[in-house]
Amino acid sequence: MGIFALFVRMKAAKKPTNALKIIMPPVFMSSGALMYVVPEFRLTGMEILEVVILGMLFSILLIKTSKFEIRENEIFLKRSKAFIYILVGLLVVRIGLKTILSATIDYGELSGMFFLLAFSMIVPWRIAMYLDYKQLYRQLHGQQ
């Protein structure tokens, strides 16, 4: 999935973006929260806090490497060579954490933690992208 995300990201940089393309991935991903209906996947309050903080910290790397630019009177996501390395690095860290933590935490609970980790990374990243996009959109269309 990580490699797939890299290819999707590189392909997306070739086409202009819009607000829906930025907002919809976390909306679609949110349906995964239905896993918490099953008691096996539920987390304690402390686990939720730890995972959300870690996800938000990881999102900083994604936010720093996601910038937009205006080309041909359209808004495009600017390619960043660092983004690929950061995404691979985050993937390696997540796999390492999963390997280490699977010895002490139940599989279902660990799955719930890693879903929340991913969601906690994506939401702040996409919010930051949306705010950057809206700023460029206003600039492009002459709105204050």
N, C-alpha and C. Protein backbone atom coordinates (compact mmCIF):
# COMPACT_ATOMS: atom_id res chain seq x y z
N MET A 1 0.82 -1.20 0.00
CA MET A 1 0.00 0.00 0.00
C MET A 1 0.87 1.27 0.00
N GLY A 2 1.99 1.20 0.71
CA GLY A 2 2.89 2.35 0.75
C GLY A 2 3.44 2.69 -0.62
N ILE A 3 3.83 1.66 -1.36
CA ILE A 3 4.35 1.87 -2.72
C ILE A 3 3.24 2.39 -3.62
N PHE A 4 2.03 1.86 -3.45
CA PHE A 4 0.88 2.34 -4.21
C PHE A 4 0.65 3.83 -3.94
N ALA A 5 0.76 4.23 -2.66
CA ALA A 5 0.57 5.64 -2.30
C ALA A 5 1.60 6.53 -2.97
N LEU A 6 2.83 6.03 -3.09
CA LEU A 6 3.87 6.80 -3.76
C LEU A 6 3.52 7.06 -5.22
N PHE A 7 3.06 6.02 -5.90
CA PHE A 7 2.70 6.18 -7.32
C PHE A 7 1.50 7.09 -7.49
N VAL A 8 0.51 6.97 -6.61
CA VAL A 8 -0.66 7.84 -6.69
C VAL A 8 -0.24 9.28 -6.49
N ARG A 9 0.64 9.53 -5.53
CA ARG A 9 1.10 10.89 -5.23
C ARG A 9 1.87 11.48 -6.41
N MET A 10 2.75 10.68 -7.02
CA MET A 10 3.54 11.18 -8.15
C MET A 10 2.64 11.47 -9.35
N LYS A 11 1.63 10.64 -9.57
CA LYS A 11 0.70 10.85 -10.68
C LYS A 11 -0.18 12.07 -10.43
N ALA A 12 -0.57 12.27 -9.17
CA ALA A 12 -1.44 13.41 -8.83
C ALA A 12 -0.76 14.74 -9.09
N ALA A 13 0.55 14.78 -8.98
CA ALA A 13 1.29 16.04 -9.20
C ALA A 13 1.26 16.47 -10.66
N LYS A 14 0.85 15.59 -11.56
CA LYS A 14 0.79 15.93 -12.98
C LYS A 14 -0.52 16.58 -13.38
N LYS A 15 -1.53 16.52 -12.49
CA LYS A 15 -2.85 17.07 -12.81
C LYS A 15 -3.18 18.18 -11.82
N PRO A 16 -3.98 19.16 -12.26
CA PRO A 16 -4.39 20.21 -11.31
C PRO A 16 -5.24 19.61 -10.20
N THR A 17 -5.22 20.25 -9.05
CA THR A 17 -5.99 19.73 -7.92
C THR A 17 -7.18 20.63 -7.65
N ASN A 18 -8.04 20.18 -6.77
CA ASN A 18 -9.17 20.98 -6.31
C ASN A 18 -9.48 20.61 -4.87
N ALA A 19 -10.39 21.33 -4.26
CA ALA A 19 -10.69 21.13 -2.84
C ALA A 19 -11.19 19.72 -2.56
N LEU A 20 -12.01 19.17 -3.43
CA LEU A 20 -12.54 17.81 -3.20
C LEU A 20 -11.43 16.76 -3.18
N LYS A 21 -10.46 16.89 -4.06
CA LYS A 21 -9.36 15.93 -4.09
C LYS A 21 -8.55 15.98 -2.80
N ILE A 22 -8.57 17.09 -2.13
CA ILE A 22 -7.83 17.24 -0.88
C ILE A 22 -8.66 16.71 0.29
N ILE A 23 -9.92 17.03 0.31
CA ILE A 23 -10.79 16.72 1.46
C ILE A 23 -11.27 15.27 1.48
N MET A 24 -11.53 14.69 0.32
CA MET A 24 -12.21 13.39 0.29
C MET A 24 -11.43 12.20 0.86
N PRO A 25 -10.11 12.09 0.71
CA PRO A 25 -9.43 10.90 1.28
C PRO A 25 -9.69 10.66 2.76
N PRO A 26 -9.60 11.68 3.64
CA PRO A 26 -9.92 11.38 5.04
C PRO A 26 -11.40 11.07 5.26
N VAL A 27 -12.26 11.66 4.45
CA VAL A 27 -13.69 11.36 4.56
C VAL A 27 -13.93 9.89 4.22
N PHE A 28 -13.34 9.43 3.13
CA PHE A 28 -13.50 8.02 2.75
C PHE A 28 -12.87 7.10 3.80
N MET A 29 -11.73 7.50 4.31
CA MET A 29 -11.04 6.67 5.29
C MET A 29 -11.81 6.58 6.60
N SER A 30 -12.60 7.58 6.92
CA SER A 30 -13.31 7.61 8.20
C SER A 30 -14.26 6.43 8.37
N SER A 31 -14.69 5.83 7.29
CA SER A 31 -15.57 4.66 7.42
C SER A 31 -14.87 3.51 8.13
N GLY A 32 -13.55 3.50 8.12
CA GLY A 32 -12.79 2.47 8.82
C GLY A 32 -12.97 2.52 10.32
N ALA A 33 -13.46 3.66 10.84
CA ALA A 33 -13.70 3.78 12.28
C ALA A 33 -14.81 2.84 12.74
N LEU A 34 -15.55 2.28 11.81
CA LEU A 34 -16.57 1.30 12.19
C LEU A 34 -15.95 0.07 12.84
N MET A 35 -14.65 -0.11 12.69
CA MET A 35 -13.98 -1.24 13.34
C MET A 35 -14.14 -1.16 14.85
N TYR A 36 -14.29 0.04 15.38
CA TYR A 36 -14.38 0.20 16.83
C TYR A 36 -15.73 -0.28 17.40
N VAL A 37 -16.66 -0.62 16.53
CA VAL A 37 -17.92 -1.23 16.97
C VAL A 37 -17.62 -2.61 17.59
N VAL A 38 -16.62 -3.28 17.05
CA VAL A 38 -16.21 -4.59 17.54
C VAL A 38 -15.29 -4.39 18.74
N PRO A 39 -15.63 -4.96 19.90
CA PRO A 39 -14.83 -4.73 21.12
C PRO A 39 -13.35 -5.08 20.97
N GLU A 40 -13.01 -6.01 20.13
CA GLU A 40 -11.62 -6.44 19.94
C GLU A 40 -10.71 -5.29 19.47
N PHE A 41 -11.28 -4.31 18.78
CA PHE A 41 -10.50 -3.22 18.20
C PHE A 41 -10.46 -1.95 19.07
N ARG A 42 -11.23 -1.93 20.15
CA ARG A 42 -11.33 -0.73 20.97
C ARG A 42 -10.04 -0.44 21.73
N LEU A 43 -9.83 0.85 21.97
CA LEU A 43 -8.60 1.32 22.65
C LEU A 43 -8.95 2.00 23.96
N THR A 44 -7.99 2.05 24.85
CA THR A 44 -8.17 2.79 26.09
C THR A 44 -7.94 4.28 25.79
N GLY A 45 -8.34 5.11 26.72
CA GLY A 45 -8.16 6.55 26.55
C GLY A 45 -6.70 6.94 26.39
N MET A 46 -5.83 6.29 27.16
CA MET A 46 -4.39 6.60 27.08
C MET A 46 -3.82 6.17 25.73
N GLU A 47 -4.24 5.01 25.22
CA GLU A 47 -3.77 4.55 23.91
C GLU A 47 -4.22 5.51 22.81
N ILE A 48 -5.45 5.98 22.92
CA ILE A 48 -5.96 6.94 21.93
C ILE A 48 -5.12 8.21 21.96
N LEU A 49 -4.86 8.72 23.15
CA LEU A 49 -4.07 9.94 23.29
C LEU A 49 -2.67 9.77 22.72
N GLU A 50 -2.02 8.66 23.06
CA GLU A 50 -0.66 8.40 22.57
C GLU A 50 -0.62 8.32 21.04
N VAL A 51 -1.56 7.58 20.47
CA VAL A 51 -1.57 7.36 19.02
C VAL A 51 -1.91 8.65 18.27
N VAL A 52 -2.85 9.42 18.78
CA VAL A 52 -3.22 10.68 18.11
C VAL A 52 -2.04 11.66 18.15
N ILE A 53 -1.36 11.76 19.27
CA ILE A 53 -0.20 12.66 19.36
C ILE A 53 0.90 12.21 18.39
N LEU A 54 1.19 10.92 18.36
CA LEU A 54 2.20 10.41 17.44
C LEU A 54 1.80 10.67 15.98
N GLY A 55 0.54 10.44 15.66
CA GLY A 55 0.07 10.70 14.30
C GLY A 55 0.19 12.15 13.91
N MET A 56 -0.13 13.04 14.84
CA MET A 56 -0.01 14.47 14.55
C MET A 56 1.45 14.88 14.39
N LEU A 57 2.33 14.28 15.17
CA LEU A 57 3.76 14.57 15.00
C LEU A 57 4.25 14.09 13.63
N PHE A 58 3.85 12.89 13.23
CA PHE A 58 4.22 12.38 11.91
C PHE A 58 3.67 13.26 10.80
N SER A 59 2.48 13.83 11.01
CA SER A 59 1.85 14.66 9.97
C SER A 59 2.67 15.91 9.67
N ILE A 60 3.44 16.36 10.63
CA ILE A 60 4.27 17.56 10.41
C ILE A 60 5.22 17.35 9.23
N LEU A 61 5.79 16.16 9.14
CA LEU A 61 6.69 15.86 8.02
C LEU A 61 5.94 15.92 6.69
N LEU A 62 4.72 15.40 6.67
CA LEU A 62 3.93 15.43 5.44
C LEU A 62 3.53 16.86 5.08
N ILE A 63 3.17 17.64 6.09
CA ILE A 63 2.77 19.03 5.85
C ILE A 63 3.93 19.84 5.28
N LYS A 64 5.11 19.65 5.83
CA LYS A 64 6.29 20.40 5.38
C LYS A 64 6.68 20.09 3.93
N THR A 65 6.32 18.90 3.44
CA THR A 65 6.72 18.52 2.09
C THR A 65 5.58 18.61 1.08
N SER A 66 4.45 19.14 1.47
CA SER A 66 3.30 19.27 0.56
C SER A 66 3.02 20.74 0.29
N LYS A 67 3.40 21.18 -0.86
CA LYS A 67 3.21 22.58 -1.25
C LYS A 67 2.51 22.62 -2.61
N PHE A 68 1.81 23.71 -2.85
CA PHE A 68 1.12 23.92 -4.11
C PHE A 68 1.79 25.03 -4.89
N GLU A 69 1.55 25.02 -6.19
CA GLU A 69 2.03 26.09 -7.05
C GLU A 69 1.01 26.35 -8.14
N ILE A 70 1.03 27.56 -8.67
CA ILE A 70 0.13 27.91 -9.77
C ILE A 70 0.91 27.75 -11.07
N ARG A 71 0.38 26.90 -11.95
CA ARG A 71 0.95 26.69 -13.29
C ARG A 71 -0.21 26.68 -14.28
N GLU A 72 -0.01 27.36 -15.37
CA GLU A 72 -1.02 27.36 -16.44
C GLU A 72 -2.40 27.75 -15.92
N ASN A 73 -2.42 28.72 -15.00
CA ASN A 73 -3.66 29.22 -14.42
C ASN A 73 -4.45 28.15 -13.66
N GLU A 74 -3.76 27.13 -13.16
CA GLU A 74 -4.34 26.06 -12.36
C GLU A 74 -3.46 25.84 -11.13
N ILE A 75 -4.00 25.17 -10.13
CA ILE A 75 -3.24 24.88 -8.91
C ILE A 75 -2.80 23.42 -8.95
N PHE A 76 -1.48 23.24 -8.82
CA PHE A 76 -0.88 21.90 -8.86
C PHE A 76 -0.16 21.64 -7.54
N LEU A 77 -0.09 20.36 -7.17
CA LEU A 77 0.73 19.96 -6.05
C LEU A 77 2.17 19.93 -6.53
N LYS A 78 3.04 20.62 -5.82
CA LYS A 78 4.45 20.69 -6.20
C LYS A 78 5.15 19.40 -5.79
N ARG A 79 5.90 18.83 -6.71
CA ARG A 79 6.65 17.61 -6.40
C ARG A 79 7.76 17.90 -5.42
N SER A 80 7.95 16.97 -4.50
CA SER A 80 9.03 17.09 -3.53
C SER A 80 9.75 15.76 -3.43
N LYS A 81 11.05 15.79 -3.70
CA LYS A 81 11.83 14.55 -3.60
C LYS A 81 11.87 14.06 -2.16
N ALA A 82 11.85 14.98 -1.22
CA ALA A 82 11.88 14.60 0.20
C ALA A 82 10.62 13.84 0.59
N PHE A 83 9.47 14.14 -0.06
CA PHE A 83 8.21 13.48 0.31
C PHE A 83 8.32 11.97 0.16
N ILE A 84 8.91 11.51 -0.91
CA ILE A 84 9.05 10.07 -1.14
C ILE A 84 9.85 9.43 -0.01
N TYR A 85 10.96 10.06 0.36
CA TYR A 85 11.80 9.51 1.43
C TYR A 85 11.07 9.54 2.78
N ILE A 86 10.34 10.61 3.01
CA ILE A 86 9.60 10.71 4.27
C ILE A 86 8.49 9.67 4.33
N LEU A 87 7.76 9.48 3.23
CA LEU A 87 6.69 8.49 3.20
C LEU A 87 7.26 7.08 3.41
N VAL A 88 8.36 6.77 2.77
CA VAL A 88 9.00 5.46 2.96
C VAL A 88 9.51 5.34 4.40
N GLY A 89 10.09 6.40 4.92
CA GLY A 89 10.58 6.39 6.30
C GLY A 89 9.46 6.16 7.30
N LEU A 90 8.34 6.86 7.10
CA LEU A 90 7.19 6.66 7.98
C LEU A 90 6.66 5.23 7.88
N LEU A 91 6.66 4.69 6.67
CA LEU A 91 6.22 3.31 6.48
C LEU A 91 7.13 2.34 7.24
N VAL A 92 8.42 2.54 7.14
CA VAL A 92 9.38 1.68 7.85
C VAL A 92 9.19 1.79 9.36
N VAL A 93 9.01 3.02 9.86
CA VAL A 93 8.78 3.22 11.29
C VAL A 93 7.51 2.51 11.73
N ARG A 94 6.44 2.66 10.95
CA ARG A 94 5.18 2.00 11.31
C ARG A 94 5.32 0.49 11.31
N ILE A 95 6.01 -0.07 10.33
CA ILE A 95 6.21 -1.53 10.28
C ILE A 95 7.06 -1.97 11.48
N GLY A 96 8.09 -1.20 11.78
CA GLY A 96 8.93 -1.52 12.94
C GLY A 96 8.14 -1.49 14.24
N LEU A 97 7.34 -0.43 14.42
CA LEU A 97 6.51 -0.33 15.62
C LEU A 97 5.52 -1.48 15.70
N LYS A 98 4.93 -1.82 14.58
CA LYS A 98 3.96 -2.91 14.56
C LYS A 98 4.63 -4.22 14.95
N THR A 99 5.82 -4.46 14.45
CA THR A 99 6.56 -5.69 14.76
C THR A 99 6.89 -5.75 16.25
N ILE A 100 7.37 -4.65 16.80
CA ILE A 100 7.74 -4.61 18.21
C ILE A 100 6.51 -4.72 19.12
N LEU A 101 5.49 -3.95 18.80
CA LEU A 101 4.31 -3.91 19.66
C LEU A 101 3.44 -5.17 19.57
N SER A 102 3.55 -5.91 18.47
CA SER A 102 2.71 -7.11 18.32
C SER A 102 3.06 -8.18 19.34
N ALA A 103 4.22 -8.08 19.97
CA ALA A 103 4.60 -9.04 21.00
C ALA A 103 3.85 -8.81 22.31
N THR A 104 3.37 -7.58 22.53
CA THR A 104 2.73 -7.25 23.81
C THR A 104 1.29 -6.78 23.69
N ILE A 105 0.83 -6.46 22.50
CA ILE A 105 -0.53 -5.93 22.32
C ILE A 105 -1.30 -6.85 21.39
N ASP A 106 -2.58 -7.10 21.73
CA ASP A 106 -3.43 -7.96 20.91
C ASP A 106 -3.52 -7.43 19.48
N TYR A 107 -3.70 -8.36 18.55
CA TYR A 107 -3.75 -8.01 17.13
C TYR A 107 -4.88 -7.01 16.84
N GLY A 108 -6.06 -7.24 17.38
CA GLY A 108 -7.19 -6.35 17.12
C GLY A 108 -6.95 -4.95 17.65
N GLU A 109 -6.45 -4.88 18.87
CA GLU A 109 -6.16 -3.59 19.49
C GLU A 109 -5.06 -2.87 18.71
N LEU A 110 -4.05 -3.60 18.28
CA LEU A 110 -2.96 -3.03 17.49
C LEU A 110 -3.49 -2.50 16.15
N SER A 111 -4.40 -3.25 15.55
CA SER A 111 -5.02 -2.78 14.31
C SER A 111 -5.77 -1.47 14.53
N GLY A 112 -6.51 -1.39 15.63
CA GLY A 112 -7.22 -0.16 15.96
C GLY A 112 -6.27 1.00 16.18
N MET A 113 -5.12 0.71 16.81
CA MET A 113 -4.13 1.76 17.05
C MET A 113 -3.53 2.26 15.74
N PHE A 114 -3.22 1.36 14.82
CA PHE A 114 -2.58 1.79 13.58
C PHE A 114 -3.55 2.45 12.61
N PHE A 115 -4.83 2.10 12.69
CA PHE A 115 -5.81 2.84 11.90
C PHE A 115 -5.87 4.27 12.41
N LEU A 116 -5.96 4.41 13.74
CA LEU A 116 -6.04 5.75 14.32
C LEU A 116 -4.77 6.55 14.08
N LEU A 117 -3.62 5.88 14.08
CA LEU A 117 -2.35 6.55 13.77
C LEU A 117 -2.39 7.12 12.36
N ALA A 118 -2.80 6.30 11.40
CA ALA A 118 -2.88 6.76 10.01
C ALA A 118 -3.88 7.91 9.87
N PHE A 119 -5.03 7.77 10.51
CA PHE A 119 -6.06 8.81 10.42
C PHE A 119 -5.57 10.10 11.07
N SER A 120 -4.85 9.98 12.18
CA SER A 120 -4.31 11.15 12.88
C SER A 120 -3.19 11.83 12.10
N MET A 121 -2.58 11.10 11.18
CA MET A 121 -1.57 11.71 10.29
C MET A 121 -2.25 12.42 9.13
N ILE A 122 -3.25 11.78 8.57
CA ILE A 122 -3.88 12.28 7.34
C ILE A 122 -4.73 13.52 7.58
N VAL A 123 -5.50 13.54 8.66
CA VAL A 123 -6.42 14.66 8.88
C VAL A 123 -5.68 16.00 9.02
N PRO A 124 -4.69 16.14 9.91
CA PRO A 124 -4.00 17.44 9.98
C PRO A 124 -3.28 17.80 8.68
N TRP A 125 -2.73 16.79 8.02
CA TRP A 125 -2.04 17.02 6.75
C TRP A 125 -3.00 17.57 5.72
N ARG A 126 -4.17 16.95 5.60
CA ARG A 126 -5.14 17.40 4.61
C ARG A 126 -5.74 18.75 4.96
N ILE A 127 -5.91 19.02 6.24
CA ILE A 127 -6.40 20.35 6.65
C ILE A 127 -5.39 21.42 6.25
N ALA A 128 -4.11 21.16 6.52
CA ALA A 128 -3.06 22.12 6.13
C ALA A 128 -3.03 22.29 4.61
N MET A 129 -3.16 21.19 3.88
CA MET A 129 -3.18 21.28 2.42
C MET A 129 -4.37 22.11 1.94
N TYR A 130 -5.53 21.89 2.55
CA TYR A 130 -6.73 22.62 2.16
C TYR A 130 -6.56 24.12 2.41
N LEU A 131 -6.00 24.48 3.55
CA LEU A 131 -5.79 25.90 3.85
C LEU A 131 -4.81 26.53 2.86
N ASP A 132 -3.74 25.82 2.52
CA ASP A 132 -2.79 26.32 1.51
C ASP A 132 -3.46 26.46 0.15
N TYR A 133 -4.26 25.46 -0.20
CA TYR A 133 -4.97 25.48 -1.48
C TYR A 133 -5.91 26.69 -1.55
N LYS A 134 -6.69 26.91 -0.48
CA LYS A 134 -7.65 28.02 -0.48
C LYS A 134 -6.93 29.37 -0.62
N GLN A 135 -5.76 29.49 0.00
CA GLN A 135 -4.99 30.73 -0.11
C GLN A 135 -4.57 30.96 -1.56
N LEU A 136 -4.07 29.93 -2.21
CA LEU A 136 -3.68 30.06 -3.62
C LEU A 136 -4.90 30.29 -4.52
N TYR A 137 -6.00 29.63 -4.19
CA TYR A 137 -7.24 29.78 -4.97
C TYR A 137 -7.70 31.24 -4.94
N ARG A 138 -7.69 31.83 -3.74
CA ARG A 138 -8.07 33.24 -3.62
C ARG A 138 -7.13 34.14 -4.41
N GLN A 139 -5.85 33.83 -4.35
CA GLN A 139 -4.84 34.60 -5.07
C GLN A 139 -5.07 34.47 -6.58
N LEU A 140 -5.35 33.27 -7.04
CA LEU A 140 -5.54 33.01 -8.46
C LEU A 140 -6.80 33.68 -8.99
N HIS A 141 -7.84 33.71 -8.18
CA HIS A 141 -9.12 34.26 -8.63
C HIS A 141 -9.38 35.67 -8.14
N GLY A 142 -8.33 36.30 -7.59
CA GLY A 142 -8.43 37.72 -7.21
C GLY A 142 -9.37 38.00 -6.05
N GLN A 143 -9.60 37.04 -5.18
CA GLN A 143 -10.46 37.26 -4.01
C GLN A 143 -9.59 37.58 -2.80
N GLN A 144 -10.14 38.36 -1.91
CA GLN A 144 -9.43 38.69 -0.66
C GLN A 144 -10.03 37.91 0.41
